[in-house]
């Protein structure tokens, strides 16, 4: 349900600005531009954390963003 508003977008163009890793932890800083039908592009800033297992598969995924900024960007 959390991703439903993002998936309703007509276009997405997630852009990683910075990425850092140590051991099995990966941290990303990114911007998430998206466009809904009949609307101009809007962008939400976000940071993400990924935890990896021994095979490099994602075992944890957390995204952090300003909730007010995100809600203002959605129809």
Protein backbone atom coordinates (compact mmCIF):
# COMPACT_ATOMS: atom_id res chain seq x y z
CA UNK A 1 0.00 0.00 0.00
CA UNK A 2 2.91 2.34 0.73
CA UNK A 3 4.15 2.12 -2.88
CA UNK A 4 0.71 2.43 -4.53
CA UNK A 5 0.90 6.24 -5.03
CA UNK A 6 4.37 5.91 -6.58
CA UNK A 7 3.27 3.06 -8.83
CA UNK A 8 0.32 5.13 -10.03
CA UNK A 9 2.82 7.54 -11.60
CA UNK A 10 3.00 7.56 -15.38
CA UNK A 11 6.81 7.86 -15.33
CA UNK A 12 9.52 7.33 -12.69
CA UNK A 13 13.18 8.30 -12.93
CA UNK A 14 14.87 7.43 -9.61
CA UNK A 15 18.35 8.94 -9.56
CA UNK A 16 21.10 7.85 -7.14
CA UNK A 17 23.24 10.85 -6.14
CA UNK A 18 25.56 9.11 -3.69
CA UNK A 19 26.11 5.52 -2.62
CA UNK A 20 28.28 4.09 0.14
CA UNK A 21 28.83 0.55 1.35
CA UNK A 22 30.53 -1.08 4.29
CA UNK A 23 30.36 -4.80 4.80
CA UNK A 24 26.80 -5.84 4.03
CA UNK A 25 25.27 -2.39 4.48
CA UNK A 26 24.55 -0.01 1.59
CA UNK A 27 23.41 3.60 2.00
CA UNK A 28 22.02 5.70 -0.87
CA UNK A 29 21.10 9.34 -1.28
CA UNK A 30 18.78 9.95 -4.20
CA UNK A 31 16.05 12.01 -5.78
CA UNK A 32 12.88 10.35 -6.99
CA UNK A 33 11.38 12.32 -9.90
CA UNK A 34 7.96 11.10 -11.00
CA UNK A 35 5.06 12.32 -13.10
CA UNK A 36 1.39 11.55 -12.74
CA UNK A 37 -0.96 11.61 -15.75
CA UNK A 38 -1.81 15.19 -16.66
CA UNK A 39 0.78 16.66 -14.26
CA UNK A 40 4.30 18.05 -14.51
CA UNK A 41 7.32 16.26 -13.06
CA UNK A 42 7.78 16.47 -9.30
CA UNK A 43 10.66 15.27 -7.16
CA UNK A 44 11.03 13.84 -3.66
CA UNK A 45 14.40 13.61 -1.91
CA UNK A 46 15.14 10.28 -0.21
CA UNK A 47 17.78 8.20 1.51
CA UNK A 48 17.80 4.44 1.49
CA UNK A 49 19.42 1.61 3.41
CA UNK A 50 19.89 -1.92 2.11
CA UNK A 51 21.06 -4.86 4.19
CA UNK A 52 22.60 -7.74 2.22
CA UNK A 53 23.13 -11.41 3.02
CA UNK A 54 26.23 -13.48 2.26
CA UNK A 55 25.10 -13.98 -1.38
CA UNK A 56 24.53 -10.24 -1.91
CA UNK A 57 20.72 -10.53 -1.84
CA UNK A 58 18.73 -7.76 -0.17
CA UNK A 59 17.40 -8.79 3.25
CA UNK A 60 16.38 -5.32 4.48
CA UNK A 61 15.25 -2.22 2.60
CA UNK A 62 14.42 1.05 4.31
CA UNK A 63 13.63 4.39 2.69
CA UNK A 64 13.65 7.69 4.52
CA UNK A 65 12.02 10.86 3.20
CA UNK A 66 10.24 13.98 4.36
CA UNK A 67 6.62 12.89 4.65
CA UNK A 68 5.25 16.40 4.07
CA UNK A 69 7.37 16.81 0.93
CA UNK A 70 6.20 13.45 -0.36
CA UNK A 71 2.51 14.11 0.29
CA UNK A 72 2.73 17.54 -1.36
CA UNK A 73 4.19 15.95 -4.50
CA UNK A 74 1.32 13.46 -4.94
CA UNK A 75 -2.11 14.23 -6.36
